[in-house]
Amino acid sequence: MDPVRRRSDCARPAQSTPLQRDFDVRDMERRTRLMRVLTRRIALSELGNREIARRAGIPTQRISDLLAGRLEHFSADDLEAIHDSVAGVVDQEGPSSRITPP
């Protein structure tokens, strides 16, 4: 086998299956919906980033990342945990309190 062919075989990226791509897209859509709901809840809560981070039990920088739209830093489970910790705050503070992800 010549060296050029050997290099091209090694450099070839792994092919993802259609099922894997479909799963990745669904996960990204789910995380995007959760992030939108969370940023809306945080805006309605009128709490500062520090207080929200304290209630969620996470560093303040994570809330900043969330509000900046850095979706790649969060899993769906992370977002749901933050959602659950912020849910009670908005529910107690206003009439437009129930915001749930579709």
N, C-alpha and C. Protein backbone atom coordinates (compact mmCIF):
# COMPACT_ATOMS: atom_id res chain seq x y z
N MET A 1 0.86 -1.17 0.00
CA MET A 1 0.00 0.00 0.00
C MET A 1 0.91 1.23 0.00
N ASP A 2 0.60 2.19 -0.86
CA ASP A 2 1.45 3.37 -0.92
C ASP A 2 1.14 4.32 0.23
N PRO A 3 2.12 5.20 0.59
CA PRO A 3 1.95 6.09 1.74
C PRO A 3 0.78 7.06 1.61
N VAL A 4 0.49 7.50 0.41
CA VAL A 4 -0.61 8.45 0.22
C VAL A 4 -1.93 7.79 0.56
N ARG A 5 -2.11 6.59 0.08
CA ARG A 5 -3.36 5.89 0.37
C ARG A 5 -3.48 5.59 1.86
N ARG A 6 -2.39 5.22 2.49
CA ARG A 6 -2.42 4.92 3.91
C ARG A 6 -2.83 6.15 4.72
N ARG A 7 -2.29 7.31 4.37
CA ARG A 7 -2.65 8.55 5.07
C ARG A 7 -4.11 8.90 4.87
N SER A 8 -4.62 8.73 3.69
CA SER A 8 -6.01 9.10 3.43
C SER A 8 -6.97 8.21 4.20
N ASP A 9 -6.60 6.94 4.39
CA ASP A 9 -7.45 6.04 5.18
C ASP A 9 -7.48 6.45 6.64
N CYS A 10 -6.35 6.90 7.17
CA CYS A 10 -6.27 7.30 8.58
C CYS A 10 -6.99 8.62 8.82
N ALA A 11 -6.97 9.50 7.84
CA ALA A 11 -7.54 10.82 8.03
C ALA A 11 -9.04 10.85 7.82
N ARG A 12 -9.60 9.76 7.37
CA ARG A 12 -11.03 9.73 7.10
C ARG A 12 -11.81 9.81 8.41
N PRO A 13 -12.74 10.76 8.54
CA PRO A 13 -13.51 10.87 9.79
C PRO A 13 -14.47 9.70 9.95
N ALA A 14 -14.78 9.40 11.17
CA ALA A 14 -15.74 8.33 11.44
C ALA A 14 -17.10 8.74 10.92
N GLN A 15 -17.74 7.84 10.24
CA GLN A 15 -19.07 8.11 9.69
C GLN A 15 -20.12 7.87 10.75
N SER A 16 -21.05 8.82 10.90
CA SER A 16 -22.12 8.62 11.85
C SER A 16 -23.32 8.04 11.12
N THR A 17 -24.05 7.24 11.81
CA THR A 17 -25.23 6.61 11.22
C THR A 17 -26.38 7.60 11.23
N PRO A 18 -27.37 7.39 10.36
CA PRO A 18 -28.54 8.28 10.36
C PRO A 18 -29.24 8.30 11.72
N LEU A 19 -29.27 7.17 12.41
CA LEU A 19 -29.91 7.11 13.72
C LEU A 19 -29.17 7.98 14.73
N GLN A 20 -27.83 7.95 14.67
CA GLN A 20 -27.04 8.77 15.58
C GLN A 20 -27.24 10.25 15.30
N ARG A 21 -27.25 10.65 14.02
CA ARG A 21 -27.47 12.06 13.69
C ARG A 21 -28.85 12.51 14.14
N ASP A 22 -29.86 11.65 13.96
CA ASP A 22 -31.22 11.98 14.36
C ASP A 22 -31.29 12.18 15.87
N PHE A 23 -30.60 11.32 16.63
CA PHE A 23 -30.57 11.45 18.08
C PHE A 23 -29.89 12.76 18.49
N ASP A 24 -28.79 13.09 17.84
CA ASP A 24 -28.07 14.33 18.15
C ASP A 24 -28.95 15.55 17.89
N VAL A 25 -29.70 15.54 16.82
CA VAL A 25 -30.58 16.66 16.49
C VAL A 25 -31.69 16.78 17.52
N ARG A 26 -32.27 15.66 17.91
CA ARG A 26 -33.33 15.69 18.92
C ARG A 26 -32.80 16.21 20.26
N ASP A 27 -31.61 15.77 20.63
CA ASP A 27 -31.01 16.23 21.88
C ASP A 27 -30.76 17.73 21.82
N MET A 28 -30.24 18.21 20.71
CA MET A 28 -29.97 19.64 20.55
C MET A 28 -31.27 20.45 20.62
N GLU A 29 -32.33 19.95 19.96
CA GLU A 29 -33.62 20.64 20.01
C GLU A 29 -34.17 20.69 21.43
N ARG A 30 -34.04 19.59 22.15
CA ARG A 30 -34.53 19.54 23.53
C ARG A 30 -33.77 20.53 24.41
N ARG A 31 -32.44 20.54 24.27
CA ARG A 31 -31.64 21.47 25.07
C ARG A 31 -31.95 22.92 24.69
N THR A 32 -32.20 23.18 23.42
CA THR A 32 -32.53 24.54 22.98
C THR A 32 -33.85 24.99 23.60
N ARG A 33 -34.86 24.11 23.58
CA ARG A 33 -36.16 24.46 24.19
C ARG A 33 -36.01 24.73 25.68
N LEU A 34 -35.27 23.86 26.36
CA LEU A 34 -35.07 24.05 27.80
C LEU A 34 -34.33 25.36 28.09
N MET A 35 -33.34 25.68 27.27
CA MET A 35 -32.60 26.91 27.49
C MET A 35 -33.50 28.13 27.30
N ARG A 36 -34.36 28.09 26.29
CA ARG A 36 -35.29 29.21 26.08
C ARG A 36 -36.23 29.38 27.26
N VAL A 37 -36.76 28.27 27.75
CA VAL A 37 -37.67 28.32 28.89
C VAL A 37 -36.93 28.86 30.13
N LEU A 38 -35.73 28.37 30.33
CA LEU A 38 -34.95 28.82 31.49
C LEU A 38 -34.63 30.31 31.44
N THR A 39 -34.20 30.79 30.30
CA THR A 39 -33.87 32.22 30.22
C THR A 39 -35.11 33.06 30.43
N ARG A 40 -36.26 32.59 29.97
CA ARG A 40 -37.52 33.30 30.20
C ARG A 40 -37.87 33.31 31.69
N ARG A 41 -37.74 32.16 32.33
CA ARG A 41 -38.02 32.07 33.77
C ARG A 41 -37.10 32.98 34.57
N ILE A 42 -35.83 32.99 34.21
CA ILE A 42 -34.87 33.83 34.93
C ILE A 42 -35.21 35.30 34.75
N ALA A 43 -35.62 35.68 33.54
CA ALA A 43 -36.00 37.07 33.31
C ALA A 43 -37.24 37.45 34.12
N LEU A 44 -38.20 36.54 34.22
CA LEU A 44 -39.42 36.81 34.97
C LEU A 44 -39.19 36.81 36.48
N SER A 45 -38.19 36.09 36.93
CA SER A 45 -37.97 35.97 38.37
C SER A 45 -37.39 37.25 38.99
N GLU A 46 -36.75 38.07 38.20
CA GLU A 46 -36.13 39.31 38.65
C GLU A 46 -35.08 39.07 39.74
N LEU A 47 -34.51 37.88 39.76
CA LEU A 47 -33.43 37.57 40.69
C LEU A 47 -32.10 37.76 39.97
N GLY A 48 -31.07 38.02 40.73
CA GLY A 48 -29.74 38.14 40.16
C GLY A 48 -29.13 36.78 39.85
N ASN A 49 -28.08 36.79 39.06
CA ASN A 49 -27.40 35.55 38.71
C ASN A 49 -26.88 34.82 39.93
N ARG A 50 -26.37 35.55 40.91
CA ARG A 50 -25.84 34.91 42.11
C ARG A 50 -26.92 34.15 42.88
N GLU A 51 -28.07 34.79 43.03
CA GLU A 51 -29.16 34.15 43.77
C GLU A 51 -29.67 32.91 43.03
N ILE A 52 -29.80 33.01 41.73
CA ILE A 52 -30.26 31.85 40.95
C ILE A 52 -29.24 30.73 41.03
N ALA A 53 -27.96 31.07 40.92
CA ALA A 53 -26.90 30.06 41.02
C ALA A 53 -26.91 29.41 42.40
N ARG A 54 -27.13 30.22 43.43
CA ARG A 54 -27.18 29.68 44.80
C ARG A 54 -28.33 28.69 44.94
N ARG A 55 -29.50 29.07 44.44
CA ARG A 55 -30.67 28.18 44.53
C ARG A 55 -30.48 26.91 43.72
N ALA A 56 -29.80 27.02 42.57
CA ALA A 56 -29.57 25.85 41.72
C ALA A 56 -28.39 25.02 42.20
N GLY A 57 -27.57 25.60 43.09
CA GLY A 57 -26.41 24.88 43.60
C GLY A 57 -25.28 24.75 42.58
N ILE A 58 -25.14 25.75 41.74
CA ILE A 58 -24.10 25.74 40.71
C ILE A 58 -23.32 27.04 40.75
N PRO A 59 -22.13 27.10 40.16
CA PRO A 59 -21.37 28.35 40.14
C PRO A 59 -22.08 29.43 39.31
N THR A 60 -21.85 30.67 39.68
CA THR A 60 -22.46 31.81 38.97
C THR A 60 -22.09 31.82 37.50
N GLN A 61 -20.88 31.39 37.18
CA GLN A 61 -20.44 31.39 35.78
C GLN A 61 -21.33 30.51 34.91
N ARG A 62 -21.86 29.43 35.48
CA ARG A 62 -22.76 28.54 34.71
C ARG A 62 -24.04 29.28 34.32
N ILE A 63 -24.56 30.12 35.21
CA ILE A 63 -25.75 30.91 34.88
C ILE A 63 -25.39 31.92 33.79
N SER A 64 -24.23 32.51 33.88
CA SER A 64 -23.79 33.45 32.85
C SER A 64 -23.67 32.74 31.50
N ASP A 65 -23.13 31.53 31.51
CA ASP A 65 -23.04 30.75 30.27
C ASP A 65 -24.42 30.45 29.70
N LEU A 66 -25.34 30.12 30.58
CA LEU A 66 -26.72 29.84 30.16
C LEU A 66 -27.36 31.06 29.50
N LEU A 67 -27.24 32.20 30.15
CA LEU A 67 -27.85 33.42 29.62
C LEU A 67 -27.16 33.92 28.36
N ALA A 68 -25.91 33.54 28.18
CA ALA A 68 -25.17 33.92 26.96
C ALA A 68 -25.46 32.96 25.82
N GLY A 69 -26.23 31.91 26.08
CA GLY A 69 -26.60 30.97 25.02
C GLY A 69 -25.55 29.93 24.72
N ARG A 70 -24.68 29.65 25.64
CA ARG A 70 -23.63 28.65 25.41
C ARG A 70 -24.18 27.25 25.67
N LEU A 71 -24.97 26.80 24.75
CA LEU A 71 -25.69 25.54 24.87
C LEU A 71 -24.75 24.34 24.97
N GLU A 72 -23.59 24.43 24.35
CA GLU A 72 -22.65 23.30 24.34
C GLU A 72 -22.09 22.99 25.73
N HIS A 73 -22.26 23.90 26.68
CA HIS A 73 -21.75 23.70 28.04
C HIS A 73 -22.72 22.93 28.93
N PHE A 74 -23.91 22.63 28.43
CA PHE A 74 -24.95 22.04 29.27
C PHE A 74 -25.53 20.78 28.64
N SER A 75 -25.77 19.79 29.47
CA SER A 75 -26.53 18.62 29.02
C SER A 75 -28.01 18.90 29.32
N ALA A 76 -28.87 18.07 28.78
CA ALA A 76 -30.31 18.23 29.05
C ALA A 76 -30.59 18.04 30.53
N ASP A 77 -29.87 17.13 31.17
CA ASP A 77 -30.05 16.90 32.61
C ASP A 77 -29.65 18.12 33.42
N ASP A 78 -28.55 18.77 33.03
CA ASP A 78 -28.13 20.00 33.72
C ASP A 78 -29.21 21.07 33.63
N LEU A 79 -29.74 21.23 32.43
CA LEU A 79 -30.76 22.26 32.21
C LEU A 79 -32.04 21.96 32.98
N GLU A 80 -32.41 20.68 33.04
CA GLU A 80 -33.62 20.32 33.80
C GLU A 80 -33.42 20.56 35.29
N ALA A 81 -32.23 20.30 35.79
CA ALA A 81 -31.95 20.55 37.21
C ALA A 81 -32.06 22.03 37.54
N ILE A 82 -31.51 22.86 36.67
CA ILE A 82 -31.61 24.31 36.88
C ILE A 82 -33.07 24.74 36.76
N HIS A 83 -33.79 24.18 35.80
CA HIS A 83 -35.21 24.50 35.62
C HIS A 83 -36.00 24.19 36.88
N ASP A 84 -35.75 23.04 37.46
CA ASP A 84 -36.48 22.65 38.67
C ASP A 84 -36.17 23.58 39.84
N SER A 85 -34.94 24.05 39.94
CA SER A 85 -34.58 24.93 41.06
C SER A 85 -35.13 26.34 40.89
N VAL A 86 -35.35 26.77 39.66
CA VAL A 86 -35.86 28.12 39.41
C VAL A 86 -37.38 28.12 39.29
N ALA A 87 -37.98 26.97 39.08
CA ALA A 87 -39.43 26.88 38.85
C ALA A 87 -40.25 27.48 39.98
N GLY A 88 -39.90 27.18 41.20
CA GLY A 88 -40.67 27.68 42.34
C GLY A 88 -40.60 29.18 42.50
N VAL A 89 -39.52 29.79 42.09
CA VAL A 89 -39.34 31.24 42.23
C VAL A 89 -40.36 31.99 41.40
N VAL A 90 -40.50 31.62 40.15
CA VAL A 90 -41.42 32.32 39.26
C VAL A 90 -42.86 32.00 39.63
N ASP A 91 -43.12 30.76 40.03
CA ASP A 91 -44.47 30.37 40.40
C ASP A 91 -45.01 31.21 41.55
N GLN A 92 -44.15 31.65 42.45
CA GLN A 92 -44.58 32.43 43.60
C GLN A 92 -44.70 33.92 43.29
N GLU A 93 -44.07 34.39 42.21
CA GLU A 93 -43.95 35.82 42.02
C GLU A 93 -44.92 36.46 41.03
N GLY A 94 -45.54 35.71 40.16
CA GLY A 94 -46.35 36.43 39.20
C GLY A 94 -47.45 35.61 38.57
N PRO A 95 -48.41 36.29 37.88
CA PRO A 95 -49.54 35.61 37.27
C PRO A 95 -49.15 34.79 36.06
N SER A 96 -48.10 35.18 35.34
CA SER A 96 -47.69 34.42 34.16
C SER A 96 -46.62 33.42 34.55
N SER A 97 -46.89 32.70 35.63
CA SER A 97 -45.86 31.91 36.26
C SER A 97 -45.61 30.56 35.62
N ARG A 98 -46.60 29.89 35.12
CA ARG A 98 -46.38 28.54 34.62
C ARG A 98 -45.89 28.55 33.19
N ILE A 99 -44.61 28.34 33.04
CA ILE A 99 -44.02 28.22 31.73
C ILE A 99 -43.43 26.81 31.69
N THR A 100 -43.92 25.98 30.81
CA THR A 100 -43.41 24.63 30.72
C THR A 100 -42.89 24.37 29.32
N PRO A 101 -41.84 23.56 29.20
CA PRO A 101 -41.32 23.25 27.88
C PRO A 101 -42.32 22.43 27.08
N PRO A 102 -42.38 22.64 25.77
CA PRO A 102 -43.31 21.87 24.94
C PRO A 102 -42.94 20.42 24.86
